[in-house]
Protein backbone atom coordinates (compact mmCIF):
# COMPACT_ATOMS: atom_id res chain seq x y z
CA VAL A 1 -48.83 -25.19 8.33
CA PRO A 2 -52.53 -26.35 9.45
CA GLY A 3 -55.88 -24.77 8.37
CA LEU A 4 -54.43 -23.05 5.26
CA PRO A 5 -56.93 -23.14 2.70
CA GLY A 6 -56.39 -24.88 -0.82
CA GLY A 7 -57.34 -24.09 -4.86
CA ALA A 8 -56.72 -25.20 -8.11
CA ASN A 9 -53.74 -23.41 -7.81
CA GLY A 10 -52.28 -24.78 -4.43
CA ARG A 11 -51.71 -23.29 -1.44
CA ALA A 12 -49.86 -20.46 -0.61
CA VAL A 13 -48.13 -20.59 2.34
CA PRO A 14 -46.13 -17.51 3.65
CA PHE A 15 -42.13 -18.27 4.78
CA ARG A 16 -39.24 -15.82 5.08
CA LEU A 17 -36.08 -16.40 4.17
CA ALA A 18 -32.26 -14.98 5.47
CA PHE A 19 -29.15 -15.06 4.46
CA PRO A 20 -26.95 -13.96 7.26
CA THR A 21 -23.35 -13.23 6.26
CA GLU A 22 -20.44 -12.26 8.67
CA TRP A 23 -17.48 -10.58 7.36
CA GLY A 24 -14.87 -13.66 5.39
CA ILE A 25 -17.60 -13.37 2.01
CA ALA A 26 -16.12 -12.09 -0.85
CA SER A 27 -17.77 -9.56 -2.89
CA GLY A 28 -20.21 -10.23 -5.70
CA THR A 29 -22.94 -12.37 -7.01
CA ARG A 30 -24.30 -15.70 -5.93
CA LYS A 31 -26.61 -18.06 -7.08
CA GLU A 32 -27.95 -20.20 -5.18
CA GLU A 33 -30.93 -22.85 -5.21
CA ILE A 34 -32.96 -24.49 -2.28
CA LEU A 35 -35.33 -27.13 -2.49
CA VAL A 36 -38.47 -26.02 -0.10
CA THR A 37 -40.70 -28.76 1.32
CA LEU A 38 -43.68 -28.51 2.74
CA LEU A 39 -44.81 -31.25 5.67
CA ASP A 40 -48.03 -32.18 7.10
CA ALA A 41 -48.30 -32.78 10.35
CA GLN A 42 -47.54 -36.45 9.70
CA GLY A 43 -44.70 -35.95 8.33
CA THR A 44 -45.70 -36.78 4.94
CA THR A 45 -44.52 -34.30 2.22
CA VAL A 46 -47.19 -32.46 -0.02
CA ASP A 47 -46.23 -30.13 -1.70
CA THR A 48 -42.16 -29.23 -3.36
CA MET A 49 -40.27 -26.37 -4.75
CA LEU A 50 -37.22 -25.09 -6.61
CA LEU A 51 -36.44 -21.19 -5.26
CA TYR A 52 -33.69 -19.61 -7.69
CA PHE A 53 -31.44 -16.51 -6.03
CA ASP A 54 -29.29 -13.93 -7.40
CA ILE A 55 -27.43 -12.67 -4.05
CA TYR A 56 -25.45 -9.63 -4.29
CA ILE A 57 -22.66 -8.89 -1.80
CA PRO A 58 -21.52 -5.29 -2.24
CA PRO A 59 -18.01 -4.37 -1.36
CA ALA A 60 -17.72 -3.18 1.84
CA VAL A 61 -15.06 -2.46 4.41
CA ASP A 62 -14.75 -1.84 7.90
CA LEU A 63 -11.86 -0.55 10.45
CA ARG A 64 -10.93 -0.48 13.92
CA ILE A 65 -8.28 0.63 15.48
CA VAL A 66 -6.29 -1.96 18.05
CA GLY A 67 -3.55 -0.55 20.63
CA ALA A 68 -4.12 2.66 21.22
CA THR A 69 -6.50 4.81 23.45
CA GLY A 70 -9.38 6.44 22.36
CA TYR A 71 -12.92 6.55 21.75
CA ASN A 72 -15.13 5.31 18.63
CA ALA A 73 -13.76 6.93 15.56
CA VAL A 74 -11.27 8.69 16.75
CA ALA A 75 -7.74 6.67 19.08
CA ASP A 76 -4.12 9.07 20.49
CA VAL A 77 -1.43 7.15 20.23
CA ASN A 78 0.73 9.21 22.64
CA LEU A 79 4.58 9.30 22.63
CA GLY A 80 5.85 10.53 25.57
CA GLU A 81 8.46 12.80 26.09
CA LEU A 82 10.59 12.67 22.60
CA GLU A 83 14.86 12.68 22.97
CA SER A 84 16.09 15.31 20.47
CA ASP A 85 19.27 13.23 20.25
CA ARG A 86 18.45 10.07 19.17
CA VAL A 87 15.13 8.29 16.94
CA ASN A 88 11.78 7.77 19.13
CA VAL A 89 9.36 4.54 18.34
CA SER A 90 5.94 4.86 19.24
CA ASP A 91 4.31 1.57 21.24
CA PRO A 92 3.13 -0.02 17.56
CA PHE A 93 -0.67 -0.19 17.41
CA ALA A 94 -2.67 -1.31 14.07
CA ILE A 95 -5.82 -1.49 12.42
CA ARG A 96 -7.78 -4.30 11.34
CA VAL A 97 -9.42 -4.34 8.54
CA TRP A 98 -12.85 -6.20 7.50
CA SER A 99 -13.76 -6.38 3.58
CA THR A 100 -15.53 -8.00 1.75
CA SER A 101 -13.46 -7.24 -1.73
CA PRO A 102 -10.03 -5.14 -2.75
CA TYR A 103 -8.66 -2.80 -0.52
CA SER A 104 -6.84 0.83 -0.17
CA VAL A 105 -5.52 2.60 2.69
CA SER A 106 -4.56 6.04 2.74
CA PHE A 107 -3.64 8.58 5.68
CA GLU A 108 -3.83 12.06 5.49
CA SER A 109 -2.06 13.92 8.31
CA GLU A 110 -3.61 17.94 9.19
CA GLY A 111 1.06 18.46 10.07
CA SER A 112 1.41 16.70 6.62
CA GLY A 113 3.71 14.70 8.51
CA ALA A 114 5.11 16.76 11.14
CA LEU A 115 4.24 16.61 15.00
CA VAL A 116 2.73 20.69 15.40
CA HIS A 117 4.02 22.89 18.75
CA ARG A 118 0.62 24.00 20.27
CA ASP A 119 1.51 27.09 18.77
CA GLY A 120 1.70 26.62 15.66
CA LEU A 121 5.17 28.05 14.47
CA SER A 122 7.67 25.16 15.76
CA ARG A 123 7.60 21.54 13.15
CA ILE A 124 8.98 18.33 14.29
CA THR A 125 8.67 15.83 11.41
CA TYR A 126 8.30 12.04 11.45
CA SER A 127 6.87 9.21 9.81
CA LEU A 128 3.95 7.06 9.92
CA ARG A 129 5.44 3.12 8.87
CA MET A 130 2.50 0.23 8.21
CA ASP A 131 3.38 -2.92 8.55
CA GLY A 132 7.20 -1.82 8.51
CA ALA A 133 7.02 0.31 4.87
CA LYS A 134 6.62 3.93 5.21
CA VAL A 135 3.21 5.22 4.51
CA ASP A 136 2.52 8.26 2.49
CA LEU A 137 0.53 11.40 5.31
CA THR A 138 -0.91 13.86 2.49
CA GLY A 139 -3.96 11.55 1.52
CA GLY A 140 -2.69 11.40 -2.00
CA THR A 141 -1.82 8.08 -3.31
CA PRO A 142 -4.25 5.05 -1.67
CA ARG A 143 -1.64 1.77 -0.93
CA SER A 144 -3.07 -1.01 -2.44
CA VAL A 145 -2.66 -3.77 1.00
CA GLY A 146 -5.91 -6.16 1.46
CA ARG A 147 -8.68 -8.21 -0.42
CA ALA A 148 -11.49 -10.73 0.33
CA MET A 149 -10.50 -12.15 3.63
CA GLY A 150 -11.90 -14.10 6.51
CA PRO A 151 -13.47 -13.31 9.11
CA LEU A 152 -10.84 -12.20 11.56
CA GLY A 153 -9.95 -9.42 9.19
CA ASP A 154 -6.48 -8.44 7.97
CA ALA A 155 -4.91 -6.60 10.70
CA HIS A 156 -1.57 -4.11 9.58
CA SER A 157 0.95 -3.27 11.77
CA LEU A 158 1.63 0.54 12.53
CA PHE A 159 4.42 2.26 14.43
CA ILE A 160 5.87 5.96 14.33
CA GLU A 161 9.24 6.97 13.95
CA VAL A 162 10.37 10.44 15.09
CA GLN A 163 14.13 11.33 13.47
CA PRO A 164 17.29 12.84 15.74
CA PHE A 165 15.46 16.63 15.95
CA VAL A 166 15.91 20.46 17.33
CA ALA A 167 12.43 21.95 18.33
CA GLU A 168 11.34 24.61 20.91
CA ALA A 169 9.99 22.40 24.31
CA GLY A 170 7.06 22.02 24.81
CA ASP A 171 3.19 19.74 23.96
CA TYR A 172 2.92 18.76 20.37
CA ALA A 173 0.24 17.22 17.73
CA ASP A 174 -0.67 16.29 14.51
CA ARG A 175 -3.95 14.97 13.95
CA VAL A 176 -4.03 11.52 10.63
CA SER A 177 -7.29 11.08 9.35
CA VAL A 178 -7.07 6.68 8.09
CA THR A 179 -9.51 5.96 5.17
CA ILE A 180 -10.10 2.24 3.70
CA THR A 181 -11.84 2.40 0.30
CA ALA A 182 -13.14 -1.42 -0.85
CA GLY A 183 -12.41 -1.56 -4.31
């Protein structure tokens, strides 16, 4: 750095360090050391300094829903026309989770695990399955499913299953909130 004034205590050299991180680094504290070398215009070492850093990565998670239509945080799964005399299964979709720590997933259904007719009087029960296992739709017990992972995240397959039913004809819907919590 040309033109820096020197003194009895050396030279003040401004610099900035950045530690860019992507998903794939686990939460916790890291201790790092960096050797900084100041070179003159000819490449001669003028000064060196050893810097020590404590870097804290907080527990964090991010979620994306894939394979379902929608915009931003709301995705739609259209079951089409349900046949009352057989098991109906949705097309598969998934959640992709990025996390710096172990995490848990919980699901909460406004209809308590039932598709509700628009008049609110008729209901069709269903189950939601994640990675093949039925999930609790009450929002109660979170299911620990993941850990800190690489930059591609964890994908968890989902599908909806509707058993044979007796119900009034019409349009049915439910809203399910997905909550991912970093451990």
